[in-house]
Amino acid sequence: NTVFLQMNNVKPEDSGVYCCNAVSRWGPIEA
């Protein structure tokens, strides 16, 4: 459960604080 972001040819406008997000899903498929 690890996610990566490979950033190539970065630009100044790419600067900032990058936050990781995860969405968990559970329960029956119909609900």
All heavy atoms as atom14 arrays in JSON, in Angstrom:
{
  "sequence": "NTVFLQMNNVKPEDSGVYCCNAVSRWGPIEA",
  "atom14_mask": [
    [1, 1, 1, 1, 1, 1, 1, 1, 0, 0, 0, 0, 0, 0],
    [1, 1, 1, 1, 1, 1, 1, 0, 0, 0, 0, 0, 0, 0],
    [1, 1, 1, 1, 1, 1, 1, 0, 0, 0, 0, 0, 0, 0],
    [1, 1, 1, 1, 1, 1, 1, 1, 1, 1, 1, 0, 0, 0],
    [1, 1, 1, 1, 1, 1, 1, 1, 0, 0, 0, 0, 0, 0],
    [1, 1, 1, 1, 1, 1, 1, 1, 1, 0, 0, 0, 0, 0],
    [1, 1, 1, 1, 1, 1, 1, 1, 0, 0, 0, 0, 0, 0],
    [1, 1, 1, 1, 1, 1, 1, 1, 0, 0, 0, 0, 0, 0],
    [1, 1, 1, 1, 1, 1, 1, 1, 0, 0, 0, 0, 0, 0],
    [1, 1, 1, 1, 1, 1, 1, 0, 0, 0, 0, 0, 0, 0],
    [1, 1, 1, 1, 1, 1, 1, 1, 1, 0, 0, 0, 0, 0],
    [1, 1, 1, 1, 1, 1, 1, 0, 0, 0, 0, 0, 0, 0],
    [1, 1, 1, 1, 1, 1, 1, 1, 1, 0, 0, 0, 0, 0],
    [1, 1, 1, 1, 1, 1, 1, 1, 0, 0, 0, 0, 0, 0],
    [1, 1, 1, 1, 1, 1, 0, 0, 0, 0, 0, 0, 0, 0],
    [1, 1, 1, 1, 0, 0, 0, 0, 0, 0, 0, 0, 0, 0],
    [1, 1, 1, 1, 1, 1, 1, 0, 0, 0, 0, 0, 0, 0],
    [1, 1, 1, 1, 1, 1, 1, 1, 1, 1, 1, 1, 0, 0],
    [1, 1, 1, 1, 1, 1, 0, 0, 0, 0, 0, 0, 0, 0],
    [1, 1, 1, 1, 1, 1, 0, 0, 0, 0, 0, 0, 0, 0],
    [1, 1, 1, 1, 1, 1, 1, 1, 0, 0, 0, 0, 0, 0],
    [1, 1, 1, 1, 1, 0, 0, 0, 0, 0, 0, 0, 0, 0],
    [1, 1, 1, 1, 1, 1, 1, 0, 0, 0, 0, 0, 0, 0],
    [1, 1, 1, 1, 1, 1, 0, 0, 0, 0, 0, 0, 0, 0],
    [1, 1, 1, 1, 1, 1, 1, 1, 1, 1, 1, 0, 0, 0],
    [1, 1, 1, 1, 1, 1, 1, 1, 1, 1, 1, 1, 1, 1],
    [1, 1, 1, 1, 0, 0, 0, 0, 0, 0, 0, 0, 0, 0],
    [1, 1, 1, 1, 1, 1, 1, 0, 0, 0, 0, 0, 0, 0],
    [1, 1, 1, 1, 1, 1, 1, 1, 0, 0, 0, 0, 0, 0],
    [1, 1, 1, 1, 1, 1, 1, 1, 1, 0, 0, 0, 0, 0],
    [1, 1, 1, 1, 1, 0, 0, 0, 0, 0, 0, 0, 0, 0]
  ],
  "atom14_positions": [
    [[0.82, -1.21, 0.0], [0.0, 0.0, 0.0], [0.85, 1.26, 0.0], [0.64, 2.18, 0.79], [-0.97, -0.01, 1.18], [-2.09, -1.01, 1.0], [-2.86, -0.92, 0.04], [-2.19, -1.97, 1.91], [0.0, 0.0, 0.0], [0.0, 0.0, 0.0], [0.0, 0.0, 0.0], [0.0, 0.0, 0.0], [0.0, 0.0, 0.0], [0.0, 0.0, 0.0]],
    [[1.81, 1.28, -0.88], [2.7, 2.41, -1.07], [2.49, 2.99, -2.46], [2.41, 2.24, -3.44], [4.17, 1.99, -0.9], [4.38, 1.48, 0.41], [5.1, 3.18, -1.13], [0.0, 0.0, 0.0], [0.0, 0.0, 0.0], [0.0, 0.0, 0.0], [0.0, 0.0, 0.0], [0.0, 0.0, 0.0], [0.0, 0.0, 0.0], [0.0, 0.0, 0.0]],
    [[2.39, 4.3, -2.54], [2.22, 4.97, -3.82], [3.43, 5.87, -4.07], [3.98, 6.47, -3.15], [0.91, 5.77, -3.88], [0.91, 6.92, -2.89], [0.64, 6.26, -5.29], [0.0, 0.0, 0.0], [0.0, 0.0, 0.0], [0.0, 0.0, 0.0], [0.0, 0.0, 0.0], [0.0, 0.0, 0.0], [0.0, 0.0, 0.0], [0.0, 0.0, 0.0]],
    [[3.84, 5.94, -5.33], [5.0, 6.72, -5.73], [4.6, 7.74, -6.79], [3.66, 7.53, -7.56], [6.09, 5.82, -6.3], [6.53, 4.72, -5.39], [5.89, 3.48, -5.42], [7.57, 4.89, -4.5], [6.28, 2.45, -4.58], [7.98, 3.87, -3.66], [7.34, 2.66, -3.7], [0.0, 0.0, 0.0], [0.0, 0.0, 0.0], [0.0, 0.0, 0.0]],
    [[5.33, 8.82, -6.82], [5.2, 9.8, -7.89], [6.59, 10.08, -8.43], [7.4, 10.72, -7.75], [4.55, 11.09, -7.41], [4.3, 12.15, -8.5], [3.26, 11.65, -9.5], [3.87, 13.48, -7.89], [0.0, 0.0, 0.0], [0.0, 0.0, 0.0], [0.0, 0.0, 0.0], [0.0, 0.0, 0.0], [0.0, 0.0, 0.0], [0.0, 0.0, 0.0]],
    [[6.87, 9.57, -9.61], [8.14, 9.84, -10.27], [8.01, 11.15, -11.04], [7.19, 11.26, -11.94], [8.51, 8.7, -11.23], [9.83, 8.91, -11.97], [11.02, 8.91, -11.04], [11.14, 8.04, -10.19], [11.91, 9.88, -11.19], [0.0, 0.0, 0.0], [0.0, 0.0, 0.0], [0.0, 0.0, 0.0], [0.0, 0.0, 0.0], [0.0, 0.0, 0.0]],
    [[8.81, 12.12, -10.65], [8.76, 13.46, -11.22], [10.02, 13.68, -12.05], [11.12, 13.72, -11.5], [8.63, 14.53, -10.14], [7.49, 14.28, -9.17], [7.49, 15.41, -7.73], [7.21, 16.99, -8.53], [0.0, 0.0, 0.0], [0.0, 0.0, 0.0], [0.0, 0.0, 0.0], [0.0, 0.0, 0.0], [0.0, 0.0, 0.0], [0.0, 0.0, 0.0]],
    [[9.86, 13.83, -13.34], [10.97, 14.06, -14.24], [10.85, 15.42, -14.92], [9.74, 15.93, -15.1], [11.04, 12.96, -15.31], [11.32, 11.59, -14.75], [12.06, 11.44, -13.79], [10.72, 10.57, -15.36], [0.0, 0.0, 0.0], [0.0, 0.0, 0.0], [0.0, 0.0, 0.0], [0.0, 0.0, 0.0], [0.0, 0.0, 0.0], [0.0, 0.0, 0.0]],
    [[11.99, 15.97, -15.29], [12.01, 17.26, -15.96], [11.18, 18.29, -15.21], [10.32, 18.95, -15.78], [11.51, 17.11, -17.4], [11.77, 18.33, -18.26], [12.69, 19.11, -17.98], [10.96, 18.52, -19.29], [0.0, 0.0, 0.0], [0.0, 0.0, 0.0], [0.0, 0.0, 0.0], [0.0, 0.0, 0.0], [0.0, 0.0, 0.0], [0.0, 0.0, 0.0]],
    [[11.47, 18.42, -13.93], [10.67, 19.31, -13.09], [10.89, 20.77, -13.46], [11.94, 21.14, -13.99], [10.97, 19.09, -11.6], [10.55, 17.68, -11.19], [12.45, 19.31, -11.3], [0.0, 0.0, 0.0], [0.0, 0.0, 0.0], [0.0, 0.0, 0.0], [0.0, 0.0, 0.0], [0.0, 0.0, 0.0], [0.0, 0.0, 0.0], [0.0, 0.0, 0.0]],
    [[9.89, 21.57, -13.17], [9.9, 22.99, -13.45], [9.63, 23.77, -12.17], [9.04, 23.24, -11.24], [8.84, 23.33, -14.5], [8.97, 22.55, -15.8], [7.82, 22.86, -16.73], [7.93, 22.07, -18.02], [6.79, 22.36, -18.94], [0.0, 0.0, 0.0], [0.0, 0.0, 0.0], [0.0, 0.0, 0.0], [0.0, 0.0, 0.0], [0.0, 0.0, 0.0]],
    [[10.04, 25.04, -12.12], [9.77, 25.85, -10.92], [8.3, 25.87, -10.54], [7.97, 25.88, -9.35], [10.27, 27.24, -11.3], [11.36, 26.97, -12.28], [10.9, 25.79, -13.08], [0.0, 0.0, 0.0], [0.0, 0.0, 0.0], [0.0, 0.0, 0.0], [0.0, 0.0, 0.0], [0.0, 0.0, 0.0], [0.0, 0.0, 0.0], [0.0, 0.0, 0.0]],
    [[7.42, 25.85, -11.51], [6.0, 25.87, -11.22], [5.49, 24.57, -10.59], [4.34, 24.52, -10.14], [5.18, 26.19, -12.48], [5.5, 25.31, -13.68], [6.48, 25.96, -14.64], [7.46, 26.58, -14.16], [6.27, 25.87, -15.86], [0.0, 0.0, 0.0], [0.0, 0.0, 0.0], [0.0, 0.0, 0.0], [0.0, 0.0, 0.0], [0.0, 0.0, 0.0]],
    [[6.33, 23.54, -10.54], [5.98, 22.31, -9.86], [6.18, 22.4, -8.35], [5.75, 21.51, -7.61], [6.8, 21.13, -10.38], [6.54, 20.82, -11.84], [5.39, 20.96, -12.29], [7.49, 20.42, -12.54], [0.0, 0.0, 0.0], [0.0, 0.0, 0.0], [0.0, 0.0, 0.0], [0.0, 0.0, 0.0], [0.0, 0.0, 0.0], [0.0, 0.0, 0.0]],
    [[6.83, 23.45, -7.89], [7.15, 23.6, -6.48], [5.89, 23.64, -5.63], [4.84, 24.12, -6.06], [7.97, 24.86, -6.24], [9.21, 24.81, -6.92], [0.0, 0.0, 0.0], [0.0, 0.0, 0.0], [0.0, 0.0, 0.0], [0.0, 0.0, 0.0], [0.0, 0.0, 0.0], [0.0, 0.0, 0.0], [0.0, 0.0, 0.0], [0.0, 0.0, 0.0]],
    [[6.01, 23.14, -4.41], [4.9, 23.17, -3.48], [4.94, 22.01, -2.51], [5.85, 21.19, -2.54], [0.0, 0.0, 0.0], [0.0, 0.0, 0.0], [0.0, 0.0, 0.0], [0.0, 0.0, 0.0], [0.0, 0.0, 0.0], [0.0, 0.0, 0.0], [0.0, 0.0, 0.0], [0.0, 0.0, 0.0], [0.0, 0.0, 0.0], [0.0, 0.0, 0.0]],
    [[3.95, 21.97, -1.67], [3.81, 20.88, -0.71], [2.9, 19.83, -1.31], [1.73, 20.09, -1.6], [3.24, 21.38, 0.63], [3.02, 20.21, 1.59], [4.16, 22.42, 1.26], [0.0, 0.0, 0.0], [0.0, 0.0, 0.0], [0.0, 0.0, 0.0], [0.0, 0.0, 0.0], [0.0, 0.0, 0.0], [0.0, 0.0, 0.0], [0.0, 0.0, 0.0]],
    [[3.43, 18.65, -1.5], [2.68, 17.54, -2.08], [2.15, 16.64, -0.98], [2.91, 16.14, -0.15], [3.56, 16.75, -3.05], [3.79, 17.45, -4.35], [4.66, 18.52, -4.43], [3.11, 17.06, -5.51], [4.86, 19.2, -5.63], [3.31, 17.71, -6.7], [4.18, 18.79, -6.76], [4.37, 19.44, -7.95], [0.0, 0.0, 0.0], [0.0, 0.0, 0.0]],
    [[0.85, 16.43, -0.98], [0.19, 15.63, 0.03], [-0.29, 14.31, -0.55], [-0.85, 14.27, -1.65], [-1.01, 16.38, 0.61], [-0.6, 17.93, 1.44], [0.0, 0.0, 0.0], [0.0, 0.0, 0.0], [0.0, 0.0, 0.0], [0.0, 0.0, 0.0], [0.0, 0.0, 0.0], [0.0, 0.0, 0.0], [0.0, 0.0, 0.0], [0.0, 0.0, 0.0]],
    [[-0.05, 13.27, 0.19], [-0.53, 11.95, -0.2], [-1.99, 11.79, 0.23], [-2.39, 12.23, 1.31], [0.33, 10.88, 0.46], [-0.15, 9.18, 0.04], [0.0, 0.0, 0.0], [0.0, 0.0, 0.0], [0.0, 0.0, 0.0], [0.0, 0.0, 0.0], [0.0, 0.0, 0.0], [0.0, 0.0, 0.0], [0.0, 0.0, 0.0], [0.0, 0.0, 0.0]],
    [[-2.76, 11.17, -0.62], [-4.17, 10.93, -0.36], [-4.48, 9.45, -0.53], [-3.94, 8.79, -1.42], [-5.03, 11.75, -1.32], [-6.5, 11.39, -1.27], [-6.98, 10.57, -2.06], [-7.23, 12.01, -0.36], [0.0, 0.0, 0.0], [0.0, 0.0, 0.0], [0.0, 0.0, 0.0], [0.0, 0.0, 0.0], [0.0, 0.0, 0.0], [0.0, 0.0, 0.0]],
    [[-5.34, 8.95, 0.32], [-5.81, 7.57, 0.2], [-7.29, 7.52, 0.49], [-7.78, 8.19, 1.4], [-5.05, 6.65, 1.15], [0.0, 0.0, 0.0], [0.0, 0.0, 0.0], [0.0, 0.0, 0.0], [0.0, 0.0, 0.0], [0.0, 0.0, 0.0], [0.0, 0.0, 0.0], [0.0, 0.0, 0.0], [0.0, 0.0, 0.0], [0.0, 0.0, 0.0]],
    [[-7.99, 6.73, -0.28], [-9.42, 6.52, -0.09], [-9.66, 5.04, 0.16], [-9.3, 4.21, -0.67], [-10.25, 6.99, -1.29], [-11.73, 6.69, -1.07], [-10.04, 8.47, -1.54], [0.0, 0.0, 0.0], [0.0, 0.0, 0.0], [0.0, 0.0, 0.0], [0.0, 0.0, 0.0], [0.0, 0.0, 0.0], [0.0, 0.0, 0.0], [0.0, 0.0, 0.0]],
    [[-10.24, 4.74, 1.31], [-10.58, 3.38, 1.66], [-12.03, 3.1, 1.31], [-12.89, 3.96, 1.49], [-10.36, 3.12, 3.15], [-8.99, 3.2, 3.49], [0.0, 0.0, 0.0], [0.0, 0.0, 0.0], [0.0, 0.0, 0.0], [0.0, 0.0, 0.0], [0.0, 0.0, 0.0], [0.0, 0.0, 0.0], [0.0, 0.0, 0.0], [0.0, 0.0, 0.0]],
    [[-12.29, 1.91, 0.81], [-13.64, 1.5, 0.48], [-13.88, 0.1, 1.04], [-13.02, -0.77, 0.93], [-13.86, 1.51, -1.04], [-13.54, 2.85, -1.68], [-13.93, 2.87, -3.15], [-13.39, 4.06, -3.81], [-13.96, 5.26, -3.78], [-15.09, 5.44, -3.11], [-13.4, 6.28, -4.41], [0.0, 0.0, 0.0], [0.0, 0.0, 0.0], [0.0, 0.0, 0.0]],
    [[-15.05, -0.1, 1.62], [-15.39, -1.39, 2.18], [-16.89, -1.57, 2.19], [-17.64, -0.68, 1.83], [-14.8, -1.54, 3.59], [-15.43, -0.64, 4.62], [-16.43, -0.96, 5.48], [-15.09, 0.72, 4.89], [-16.74, 0.12, 6.28], [-15.93, 1.16, 5.93], [-14.15, 1.61, 4.35], [-15.88, 2.46, 6.45], [-14.09, 2.91, 4.87], [-14.94, 3.31, 5.91]],
    [[-17.31, -2.75, 2.58], [-18.72, -3.07, 2.62], [-19.14, -3.82, 1.38], [-18.34, -4.1, 0.48], [0.0, 0.0, 0.0], [0.0, 0.0, 0.0], [0.0, 0.0, 0.0], [0.0, 0.0, 0.0], [0.0, 0.0, 0.0], [0.0, 0.0, 0.0], [0.0, 0.0, 0.0], [0.0, 0.0, 0.0], [0.0, 0.0, 0.0], [0.0, 0.0, 0.0]],
    [[-20.42, -4.16, 1.3], [-20.91, -4.9, 0.15], [-20.79, -4.08, -1.12], [-20.88, -2.84, -1.09], [-22.38, -5.18, 0.5], [-22.75, -4.12, 1.48], [-21.49, -3.87, 2.28], [0.0, 0.0, 0.0], [0.0, 0.0, 0.0], [0.0, 0.0, 0.0], [0.0, 0.0, 0.0], [0.0, 0.0, 0.0], [0.0, 0.0, 0.0], [0.0, 0.0, 0.0]],
    [[-20.6, -4.76, -2.22], [-20.38, -4.08, -3.48], [-21.57, -3.21, -3.88], [-21.39, -2.19, -4.56], [-20.04, -5.1, -4.59], [-19.55, -4.39, -5.84], [-21.25, -5.97, -4.9], [-18.98, -5.34, -6.88], [0.0, 0.0, 0.0], [0.0, 0.0, 0.0], [0.0, 0.0, 0.0], [0.0, 0.0, 0.0], [0.0, 0.0, 0.0], [0.0, 0.0, 0.0]],
    [[-22.76, -3.59, -3.47], [-23.95, -2.82, -3.81], [-24.17, -1.62, -2.9], [-24.98, -0.75, -3.21], [-25.19, -3.72, -3.81], [-25.58, -4.26, -2.44], [-24.88, -5.54, -2.09], [-23.91, -5.91, -2.8], [-25.27, -6.2, -1.1], [0.0, 0.0, 0.0], [0.0, 0.0, 0.0], [0.0, 0.0, 0.0], [0.0, 0.0, 0.0], [0.0, 0.0, 0.0]],
    [[-23.45, -1.56, -1.78], [-23.59, -0.46, -0.83], [-22.26, -0.19, -0.14], [-22.13, -0.4, 1.07], [-24.69, -0.74, 0.18], [0.0, 0.0, 0.0], [0.0, 0.0, 0.0], [0.0, 0.0, 0.0], [0.0, 0.0, 0.0], [0.0, 0.0, 0.0], [0.0, 0.0, 0.0], [0.0, 0.0, 0.0], [0.0, 0.0, 0.0], [0.0, 0.0, 0.0]]
  ]
}
